[in-house]
Amino acid sequence: MEHMEHIHPFPGGNEPAAIAVQGVSHSYGRHPALKDVNFSVPAGSIAMLLGLNGAGKTTLFSLISRLFGIQKGSISIFNHDIAREPREALRRIGIVFQSRTLDLDLSVKQNLAYHAALHGLSHAQTKQRIEAVLHTVEMETRLKDKVRSLSGGQMRRVEIARALLHEPRLLLLDEPTVGLDIQSRASIVAFIRKLVANQGISVLWATHLIDEVDVRDHGVMLRQGVVTAAGPLQAIMTHAGTLTVEEAFNKLCRKVELQEVLSHEP
């Protein structure tokens, strides 16, 4: 049974989609985590991947970043298939995972330099890029400070800076504001939106927090591994006949639940 609501497709010109996910399914043993997932994110935009905990957001990010192999379907980054052209695809991606991955006992500079080395940047490139990304995230004054001296919001900014070091075209954010206070959350959200506006980078942002979403964003709504709707959020709301993103999300989830119940009736 087809669950996904066919909303008007993402607008786009000649540039390929930042990410195109086609027919992706993934299971852990007998437990399906993703079921025939299809969506695309236009270049230079923010797409919010909306889903409650356990919806499959982190599994999807693990497939995009090749932490897991794709069992079924395909994922392309700016037309580079991650299975056939992993190097070309991955060098266009910057990732901030939900779990903190900075070394607390190293300085901000040391953390970034280690990541730059993994990407094969030269010493001169590393110095230049570290200065540039720390300026971008407004953390240049903390260059020599140990990470453990930073606040939670500042650590997130450093992780975003690290993800930007190799100048990716697509930024993946997996619940980046979890555990932050309200002010730090708002600061990160505002910063990412400014980054997209100023640099034209594309963003796929996984979250379960509706207040991080703007109706002008694109959206991918995920419920228990099933995409219930994908497209411009304003169009999704209009299609669902609701005034808010939250109402649209809840309504579409209930519709899928009803379809599943009816499909299992004798």
C-alpha atoms as a PDB file:
ATOM      1  CA  MET A   1       0.000   0.000   0.000  1.00  0.00           C
ATOM      2  CA  GLU A   2       1.273   3.475  -0.878  1.00  0.00           C
ATOM      3  CA  HIS A   3       1.423   5.632   2.248  1.00  0.00           C
ATOM      4  CA  MET A   4       3.191   8.780   1.123  1.00  0.00           C
ATOM      5  CA  GLU A   5       1.181  11.848   0.261  1.00  0.00           C
ATOM      6  CA  HIS A   6       2.181  13.083  -3.196  1.00  0.00           C
ATOM      7  CA  ILE A   7       2.717  16.765  -2.592  1.00  0.00           C
ATOM      8  CA  HIS A   8       3.787  19.130  -5.376  1.00  0.00           C
ATOM      9  CA  PRO A   9       7.461  18.351  -6.044  1.00  0.00           C
ATOM     10  CA  PHE A  10      10.331  20.494  -4.889  1.00  0.00           C
ATOM     11  CA  PRO A  11      10.942  23.445  -7.182  1.00  0.00           C
ATOM     12  CA  GLY A  12      14.284  23.308  -8.941  1.00  0.00           C
ATOM     13  CA  GLY A  13      16.232  24.477 -11.939  1.00  0.00           C
ATOM     14  CA  ASN A  14      18.991  22.659 -13.764  1.00  0.00           C
ATOM     15  CA  GLU A  15      21.007  21.865 -10.647  1.00  0.00           C
ATOM     16  CA  PRO A  16      20.599  18.297  -9.383  1.00  0.00           C
ATOM     17  CA  ALA A  17      18.978  17.595  -6.037  1.00  0.00           C
ATOM     18  CA  ALA A  18      21.275  17.907  -3.036  1.00  0.00           C
ATOM     19  CA  ILE A  19      20.088  14.452  -2.036  1.00  0.00           C
ATOM     20  CA  ALA A  20      17.756  12.010  -3.734  1.00  0.00           C
ATOM     21  CA  VAL A  21      16.545   8.958  -1.801  1.00  0.00           C
ATOM     22  CA  GLN A  22      14.797   6.340  -3.920  1.00  0.00           C
ATOM     23  CA  GLY A  23      13.081   3.183  -2.710  1.00  0.00           C
ATOM     24  CA  VAL A  24      15.247   2.808   0.397  1.00  0.00           C
ATOM     25  CA  SER A  25      14.325   0.075   2.865  1.00  0.00           C
ATOM     26  CA  HIS A  26      16.365  -1.143   5.820  1.00  0.00           C
ATOM     27  CA  SER A  27      15.776  -3.767   8.493  1.00  0.00           C
ATOM     28  CA  TYR A  28      17.514  -4.850  11.674  1.00  0.00           C
ATOM     29  CA  GLY A  29      16.950  -8.579  11.514  1.00  0.00           C
ATOM     30  CA  ARG A  30      13.190  -8.970  11.200  1.00  0.00           C
ATOM     31  CA  HIS A  31      12.489  -5.423  12.393  1.00  0.00           C
ATOM     32  CA  PRO A  32      11.911  -2.979   9.508  1.00  0.00           C
ATOM     33  CA  ALA A  33      13.365   0.471  10.263  1.00  0.00           C
ATOM     34  CA  LEU A  34      12.725   2.114   6.864  1.00  0.00           C
ATOM     35  CA  LYS A  35      10.102   1.087   4.328  1.00  0.00           C
ATOM     36  CA  ASP A  36      10.395   2.210   0.690  1.00  0.00           C
ATOM     37  CA  VAL A  37      11.557   5.743   1.531  1.00  0.00           C
ATOM     38  CA  ASN A  38      11.441   8.257  -1.335  1.00  0.00           C
ATOM     39  CA  PHE A  39      12.223  11.988  -1.234  1.00  0.00           C
ATOM     40  CA  SER A  40      14.581  14.631  -2.581  1.00  0.00           C
ATOM     41  CA  VAL A  41      16.032  17.859  -1.217  1.00  0.00           C
ATOM     42  CA  PRO A  42      16.599  20.769  -3.626  1.00  0.00           C
ATOM     43  CA  ALA A  43      20.008  22.423  -3.666  1.00  0.00           C
ATOM     44  CA  GLY A  44      20.386  25.478  -1.452  1.00  0.00           C
ATOM     45  CA  SER A  45      17.433  24.712   0.814  1.00  0.00           C
ATOM     46  CA  ILE A  46      16.578  23.486   4.296  1.00  0.00           C
ATOM     47  CA  ALA A  47      14.599  20.260   4.500  1.00  0.00           C
ATOM     48  CA  MET A  48      13.311  19.241   7.915  1.00  0.00           C
ATOM     49  CA  LEU A  49      13.146  15.478   8.481  1.00  0.00           C
ATOM     50  CA  LEU A  50      10.299  15.322  11.000  1.00  0.00           C
ATOM     51  CA  GLY A  51       9.677  12.237  13.086  1.00  0.00           C
ATOM     52  CA  LEU A  52       9.249  11.070  16.648  1.00  0.00           C
ATOM     53  CA  ASN A  53      11.982   9.061  18.353  1.00  0.00           C
ATOM     54  CA  GLY A  54      12.178   5.669  16.678  1.00  0.00           C
ATOM     55  CA  ALA A  55      10.822   6.938  13.350  1.00  0.00           C
ATOM     56  CA  GLY A  56      14.002   5.943  11.494  1.00  0.00           C
ATOM     57  CA  LYS A  57      15.755   9.301  11.212  1.00  0.00           C
ATOM     58  CA  THR A  58      19.109   8.139  12.580  1.00  0.00           C
ATOM     59  CA  THR A  59      18.982   4.951  10.500  1.00  0.00           C
ATOM     60  CA  LEU A  60      18.478   7.068   7.397  1.00  0.00           C
ATOM     61  CA  PHE A  61      21.430   9.298   8.323  1.00  0.00           C
ATOM     62  CA  SER A  62      23.573   6.217   8.907  1.00  0.00           C
ATOM     63  CA  LEU A  63      22.760   5.021   5.390  1.00  0.00           C
ATOM     64  CA  ILE A  64      23.486   8.426   3.829  1.00  0.00           C
ATOM     65  CA  SER A  65      26.848   8.596   5.605  1.00  0.00           C
ATOM     66  CA  ARG A  66      27.634   4.948   4.749  1.00  0.00           C
ATOM     67  CA  LEU A  67      27.900   3.812   8.345  1.00  0.00           C
ATOM     68  CA  PHE A  68      25.452   1.151   7.160  1.00  0.00           C
ATOM     69  CA  GLY A  69      25.299  -0.405   3.726  1.00  0.00           C
ATOM     70  CA  ILE A  70      22.123   0.088   1.718  1.00  0.00           C
ATOM     71  CA  GLN A  71      20.038  -3.070   1.691  1.00  0.00           C
ATOM     72  CA  LYS A  72      17.522  -1.862  -0.882  1.00  0.00           C
ATOM     73  CA  GLY A  73      17.155   1.311  -2.962  1.00  0.00           C
ATOM     74  CA  SER A  74      19.606   4.107  -3.765  1.00  0.00           C
ATOM     75  CA  ILE A  75      20.839   7.428  -2.376  1.00  0.00           C
ATOM     76  CA  SER A  76      22.510  10.095  -4.499  1.00  0.00           C
ATOM     77  CA  ILE A  77      24.281  13.290  -3.436  1.00  0.00           C
ATOM     78  CA  PHE A  78      24.267  15.855  -6.254  1.00  0.00           C
ATOM     79  CA  ASN A  79      23.871  12.967  -8.730  1.00  0.00           C
ATOM     80  CA  HIS A  80      26.677  10.899  -7.176  1.00  0.00           C
ATOM     81  CA  ASP A  81      25.382   7.509  -6.042  1.00  0.00           C
ATOM     82  CA  ILE A  82      26.817   6.751  -2.616  1.00  0.00           C
ATOM     83  CA  ALA A  83      27.188   3.049  -3.389  1.00  0.00           C
ATOM     84  CA  ARG A  84      28.877   3.455  -6.788  1.00  0.00           C
ATOM     85  CA  GLU A  85      30.744   6.726  -6.141  1.00  0.00           C
ATOM     86  CA  PRO A  86      31.214   6.841  -2.361  1.00  0.00           C
ATOM     87  CA  ARG A  87      34.224   9.166  -2.402  1.00  0.00           C
ATOM     88  CA  GLU A  88      32.584  11.762  -4.641  1.00  0.00           C
ATOM     89  CA  ALA A  89      29.330  11.567  -2.673  1.00  0.00           C
ATOM     90  CA  LEU A  90      30.843  11.718   0.810  1.00  0.00           C
ATOM     91  CA  ARG A  91      33.174  14.638   0.101  1.00  0.00           C
ATOM     92  CA  ARG A  92      30.064  16.717  -0.588  1.00  0.00           C
ATOM     93  CA  ILE A  93      28.578  15.901   2.837  1.00  0.00           C
ATOM     94  CA  GLY A  94      29.233  17.380   6.277  1.00  0.00           C
ATOM     95  CA  ILE A  95      27.648  15.572   9.239  1.00  0.00           C
ATOM     96  CA  VAL A  96      26.713  16.507  12.797  1.00  0.00           C
ATOM     97  CA  PHE A  97      25.430  13.462  14.653  1.00  0.00           C
ATOM     98  CA  GLN A  98      23.156  13.578  17.683  1.00  0.00           C
ATOM     99  CA  SER A  99      25.826  12.096  19.973  1.00  0.00           C
ATOM    100  CA  ARG A 100      28.725  14.390  20.848  1.00  0.00           C
ATOM    101  CA  THR A 101      31.932  13.278  19.152  1.00  0.00           C
ATOM    102  CA  LEU A 102      34.495  15.929  20.109  1.00  0.00           C
ATOM    103  CA  ASP A 103      37.503  14.989  22.233  1.00  0.00           C
ATOM    104  CA  LEU A 104      36.934  16.948  25.444  1.00  0.00           C
ATOM    105  CA  ASP A 105      40.599  16.936  26.432  1.00  0.00           C
ATOM    106  CA  LEU A 106      41.825  18.446  23.173  1.00  0.00           C
ATOM    107  CA  SER A 107      41.562  22.079  22.183  1.00  0.00           C
ATOM    108  CA  VAL A 108      39.105  23.338  19.599  1.00  0.00           C
ATOM    109  CA  LYS A 109      42.000  23.737  17.154  1.00  0.00           C
ATOM    110  CA  GLN A 110      43.278  20.203  17.777  1.00  0.00           C
ATOM    111  CA  ASN A 111      39.833  18.677  17.221  1.00  0.00           C
ATOM    112  CA  LEU A 112      39.448  20.516  13.929  1.00  0.00           C
ATOM    113  CA  ALA A 113      43.004  19.787  12.782  1.00  0.00           C
ATOM    114  CA  TYR A 114      42.508  16.047  13.342  1.00  0.00           C
ATOM    115  CA  HIS A 115      39.353  16.105  11.214  1.00  0.00           C
ATOM    116  CA  ALA A 116      41.128  18.121   8.503  1.00  0.00           C
ATOM    117  CA  ALA A 117      43.864  15.476   8.381  1.00  0.00           C
ATOM    118  CA  LEU A 118      41.248  12.776   7.814  1.00  0.00           C
ATOM    119  CA  HIS A 119      40.083  14.731   4.773  1.00  0.00           C
ATOM    120  CA  GLY A 120      43.638  15.067   3.464  1.00  0.00           C
ATOM    121  CA  LEU A 121      43.904  18.830   3.826  1.00  0.00           C
ATOM    122  CA  SER A 122      47.407  20.284   3.757  1.00  0.00           C
ATOM    123  CA  HIS A 123      48.853  22.232   6.674  1.00  0.00           C
ATOM    124  CA  ALA A 124      48.220  25.532   4.906  1.00  0.00           C
ATOM    125  CA  GLN A 125      44.675  24.519   3.940  1.00  0.00           C
ATOM    126  CA  THR A 126      43.977  23.349   7.481  1.00  0.00           C
ATOM    127  CA  LYS A 127      45.085  26.650   9.020  1.00  0.00           C
ATOM    128  CA  GLN A 128      43.061  28.666   6.521  1.00  0.00           C
ATOM    129  CA  ARG A 129      39.935  26.524   6.820  1.00  0.00           C
ATOM    130  CA  ILE A 130      39.994  26.425  10.634  1.00  0.00           C
ATOM    131  CA  GLU A 131      40.189  30.206  10.769  1.00  0.00           C
ATOM    132  CA  ALA A 132      37.354  30.503   8.242  1.00  0.00           C
ATOM    133  CA  VAL A 133      34.924  28.032   9.837  1.00  0.00           C
ATOM    134  CA  LEU A 134      35.488  29.311  13.370  1.00  0.00           C
ATOM    135  CA  HIS A 135      34.767  32.816  12.121  1.00  0.00           C
ATOM    136  CA  THR A 136      31.609  31.496  10.462  1.00  0.00           C
ATOM    137  CA  VAL A 137      30.332  29.945  13.712  1.00  0.00           C
ATOM    138  CA  GLU A 138      31.561  32.920  15.784  1.00  0.00           C
ATOM    139  CA  MET A 139      33.985  30.817  17.849  1.00  0.00           C
ATOM    140  CA  GLU A 140      37.350  32.210  16.721  1.00  0.00           C
ATOM    141  CA  THR A 141      38.197  33.445  20.222  1.00  0.00           C
ATOM    142  CA  ARG A 142      37.996  29.889  21.611  1.00  0.00           C
ATOM    143  CA  LEU A 143      40.573  28.401  19.232  1.00  0.00           C
ATOM    144  CA  LYS A 144      43.015  27.285  21.940  1.00  0.00           C
ATOM    145  CA  ASP A 145      40.462  26.414  24.627  1.00  0.00           C
ATOM    146  CA  LYS A 146      39.869  22.815  25.624  1.00  0.00           C
ATOM    147  CA  VAL A 147      36.494  21.565  24.457  1.00  0.00           C
ATOM    148  CA  ARG A 148      35.422  20.613  27.993  1.00  0.00           C
ATOM    149  CA  SER A 149      35.469  24.318  28.918  1.00  0.00           C
ATOM    150  CA  LEU A 150      32.751  25.101  26.357  1.00  0.00           C
ATOM    151  CA  SER A 151      29.001  25.206  26.899  1.00  0.00           C
ATOM    152  CA  GLY A 152      26.742  22.719  25.151  1.00  0.00           C
ATOM    153  CA  GLY A 153      25.759  25.266  22.532  1.00  0.00           C
ATOM    154  CA  GLN A 154      29.380  26.194  21.889  1.00  0.00           C
ATOM    155  CA  MET A 155      30.313  22.529  21.461  1.00  0.00           C
ATOM    156  CA  ARG A 156      27.595  22.207  18.842  1.00  0.00           C
ATOM    157  CA  ARG A 157      29.000  25.215  17.008  1.00  0.00           C
ATOM    158  CA  VAL A 158      32.435  23.592  16.973  1.00  0.00           C
ATOM    159  CA  GLU A 159      30.903  20.365  15.618  1.00  0.00           C
ATOM    160  CA  ILE A 160      29.189  22.361  12.877  1.00  0.00           C
ATOM    161  CA  ALA A 161      32.515  24.093  12.146  1.00  0.00           C
ATOM    162  CA  ARG A 162      34.191  20.694  11.897  1.00  0.00           C
ATOM    163  CA  ALA A 163      31.487  19.487   9.486  1.00  0.00           C
ATOM    164  CA  LEU A 164      32.143  22.541   7.288  1.00  0.00           C
ATOM    165  CA  LEU A 165      35.939  22.176   7.161  1.00  0.00           C
ATOM    166  CA  HIS A 166      36.088  20.380   3.806  1.00  0.00           C
ATOM    167  CA  GLU A 167      33.528  22.772   2.262  1.00  0.00           C
ATOM    168  CA  PRO A 168      30.627  20.332   1.780  1.00  0.00           C
ATOM    169  CA  ARG A 169      27.555  21.238  -0.240  1.00  0.00           C
ATOM    170  CA  LEU A 170      25.128  19.274   1.960  1.00  0.00           C
ATOM    171  CA  LEU A 171      24.996  19.476   5.760  1.00  0.00           C
ATOM    172  CA  LEU A 172      23.315  16.629   7.662  1.00  0.00           C
ATOM    173  CA  LEU A 173      22.121  17.538  11.157  1.00  0.00           C
ATOM    174  CA  ASP A 174      20.808  14.722  13.352  1.00  0.00           C
ATOM    175  CA  GLU A 175      18.859  16.291  16.248  1.00  0.00           C
ATOM    176  CA  PRO A 176      21.606  18.925  16.725  1.00  0.00           C
ATOM    177  CA  THR A 177      19.799  20.832  19.504  1.00  0.00           C
ATOM    178  CA  VAL A 178      18.969  17.890  21.782  1.00  0.00           C
ATOM    179  CA  GLY A 179      20.079  18.620  25.344  1.00  0.00           C
ATOM    180  CA  LEU A 180      20.552  22.346  24.787  1.00  0.00           C
ATOM    181  CA  ASP A 181      18.755  25.091  26.692  1.00  0.00           C
ATOM    182  CA  ILE A 182      16.154  27.226  24.928  1.00  0.00           C
ATOM    183  CA  GLN A 183      18.543  30.087  24.198  1.00  0.00           C
ATOM    184  CA  SER A 184      21.243  27.793  22.779  1.00  0.00           C
ATOM    185  CA  ARG A 185      18.667  25.954  20.662  1.00  0.00           C
ATOM    186  CA  ALA A 186      17.377  29.214  19.197  1.00  0.00           C
ATOM    187  CA  SER A 187      20.943  30.338  18.496  1.00  0.00           C
ATOM    188  CA  ILE A 188      21.802  27.148  16.583  1.00  0.00           C
ATOM    189  CA  VAL A 189      18.573  27.311  14.558  1.00  0.00           C
ATOM    190  CA  ALA A 190      19.179  30.954  13.645  1.00  0.00           C
ATOM    191  CA  PHE A 191      22.805  30.239  12.762  1.00  0.00           C
ATOM    192  CA  ILE A 192      21.959  27.378  10.385  1.00  0.00           C
ATOM    193  CA  ARG A 193      19.324  29.463   8.619  1.00  0.00           C
ATOM    194  CA  LYS A 194      21.845  32.282   8.222  1.00  0.00           C
ATOM    195  CA  LEU A 195      24.395  29.812   6.847  1.00  0.00           C
ATOM    196  CA  VAL A 196      21.955  28.608   4.186  1.00  0.00           C
ATOM    197  CA  ALA A 197      20.988  32.167   3.238  1.00  0.00           C
ATOM    198  CA  ASN A 198      24.580  33.440   3.027  1.00  0.00           C
ATOM    199  CA  GLN A 199      26.447  30.459   1.589  1.00  0.00           C
ATOM    200  CA  GLY A 200      23.776  28.525  -0.307  1.00  0.00           C
ATOM    201  CA  ILE A 201      24.586  25.273   1.448  1.00  0.00           C
ATOM    202  CA  SER A 202      21.864  22.595   1.517  1.00  0.00           C
ATOM    203  CA  VAL A 203      20.649  21.160   4.839  1.00  0.00           C
ATOM    204  CA  LEU A 204      18.805  17.997   5.849  1.00  0.00           C
ATOM    205  CA  TRP A 205      17.838  18.523   9.499  1.00  0.00           C
ATOM    206  CA  ALA A 206      16.388  15.634  11.506  1.00  0.00           C
ATOM    207  CA  THR A 207      14.252  16.728  14.439  1.00  0.00           C
ATOM    208  CA  HIS A 208      11.213  15.867  16.534  1.00  0.00           C
ATOM    209  CA  LEU A 209      10.877  19.470  17.715  1.00  0.00           C
ATOM    210  CA  ILE A 210       8.213  21.261  15.690  1.00  0.00           C
ATOM    211  CA  ASP A 211       9.235  24.702  16.979  1.00  0.00           C
ATOM    212  CA  GLU A 212      12.502  24.420  15.008  1.00  0.00           C
ATOM    213  CA  VAL A 213      10.530  24.310  11.754  1.00  0.00           C
ATOM    214  CA  ASP A 214       9.600  27.240   9.544  1.00  0.00           C
ATOM    215  CA  VAL A 215       6.633  26.909   7.187  1.00  0.00           C
ATOM    216  CA  ARG A 216       8.897  28.102   4.358  1.00  0.00           C
ATOM    217  CA  ASP A 217      11.081  25.006   4.766  1.00  0.00           C
ATOM    218  CA  HIS A 218      10.770  21.819   2.821  1.00  0.00           C
ATOM    219  CA  GLY A 219       9.704  18.817   4.815  1.00  0.00           C
ATOM    220  CA  VAL A 220       9.946  15.049   4.973  1.00  0.00           C
ATOM    221  CA  MET A 221       7.523  13.514   7.489  1.00  0.00           C
ATOM    222  CA  LEU A 222       8.544  10.101   8.785  1.00  0.00           C
ATOM    223  CA  ARG A 223       6.494   7.728  10.908  1.00  0.00           C
ATOM    224  CA  GLN A 224       7.861   4.319  11.910  1.00  0.00           C
ATOM    225  CA  GLY A 225      10.044   4.137   8.817  1.00  0.00           C
ATOM    226  CA  VAL A 226       7.356   5.329   6.394  1.00  0.00           C
ATOM    227  CA  VAL A 227       7.384   8.715   4.653  1.00  0.00           C
ATOM    228  CA  THR A 228       3.888  10.117   5.108  1.00  0.00           C
ATOM    229  CA  ALA A 229       4.544  13.320   3.114  1.00  0.00           C
ATOM    230  CA  ALA A 230       7.411  15.115   1.396  1.00  0.00           C
ATOM    231  CA  GLY A 231       7.615  18.514  -0.274  1.00  0.00           C
ATOM    232  CA  PRO A 232       7.322  22.210   0.616  1.00  0.00           C
ATOM    233  CA  LEU A 233       5.762  22.423   4.082  1.00  0.00           C
ATOM    234  CA  GLN A 234       3.276  25.059   2.994  1.00  0.00           C
ATOM    235  CA  ALA A 235       2.039  22.700   0.295  1.00  0.00           C
ATOM    236  CA  ILE A 236       1.866  19.801   2.770  1.00  0.00           C
ATOM    237  CA  MET A 237      -0.242  21.912   5.144  1.00  0.00           C
ATOM    238  CA  THR A 238      -2.566  22.963   2.323  1.00  0.00           C
ATOM    239  CA  HIS A 239      -2.930  19.373   1.160  1.00  0.00           C
ATOM    240  CA  ALA A 240      -3.687  18.207   4.700  1.00  0.00           C
ATOM    241  CA  GLY A 241      -6.124  21.082   5.261  1.00  0.00           C
ATOM    242  CA  THR A 242      -4.346  22.335   8.383  1.00  0.00           C
ATOM    243  CA  LEU A 243      -3.012  25.674   9.606  1.00  0.00           C
ATOM    244  CA  THR A 244       0.160  24.409  11.298  1.00  0.00           C
ATOM    245  CA  VAL A 245       2.941  21.936  10.560  1.00  0.00           C
ATOM    246  CA  GLU A 246       2.182  20.065  13.788  1.00  0.00           C
ATOM    247  CA  GLU A 247      -1.461  19.580  12.827  1.00  0.00           C
ATOM    248  CA  ALA A 248      -0.444  18.351   9.375  1.00  0.00           C
ATOM    249  CA  PHE A 249       2.095  15.923  10.846  1.00  0.00           C
ATOM    250  CA  ASN A 250      -0.427  14.489  13.317  1.00  0.00           C
ATOM    251  CA  LYS A 251      -3.193  14.243  10.722  1.00  0.00           C
ATOM    252  CA  LEU A 252      -1.036  12.453   8.170  1.00  0.00           C
ATOM    253  CA  CYS A 253       0.305  10.064  10.814  1.00  0.00           C
ATOM    254  CA  ARG A 254      -3.255   9.184  11.893  1.00  0.00           C
ATOM    255  CA  LYS A 255      -4.194   8.585   8.259  1.00  0.00           C
ATOM    256  CA  VAL A 256      -1.332   6.137   7.831  1.00  0.00           C
ATOM    257  CA  GLU A 257      -2.237   4.384  11.090  1.00  0.00           C
ATOM    258  CA  LEU A 258      -5.818   3.948   9.873  1.00  0.00           C
ATOM    259  CA  GLN A 259      -4.622   2.609   6.522  1.00  0.00           C
ATOM    260  CA  GLU A 260      -2.425   0.077   8.303  1.00  0.00           C
ATOM    261  CA  VAL A 261      -5.286  -1.088  10.524  1.00  0.00           C
ATOM    262  CA  LEU A 262      -7.610  -1.486   7.528  1.00  0.00           C
ATOM    263  CA  SER A 263      -4.970  -3.340   5.538  1.00  0.00           C
ATOM    264  CA  HIS A 264      -4.690  -5.967   8.285  1.00  0.00           C
ATOM    265  CA  GLU A 265      -8.427  -6.530   8.675  1.00  0.00           C
ATOM    266  CA  PRO A 266      -9.683  -9.863   7.299  1.00  0.00           C
END
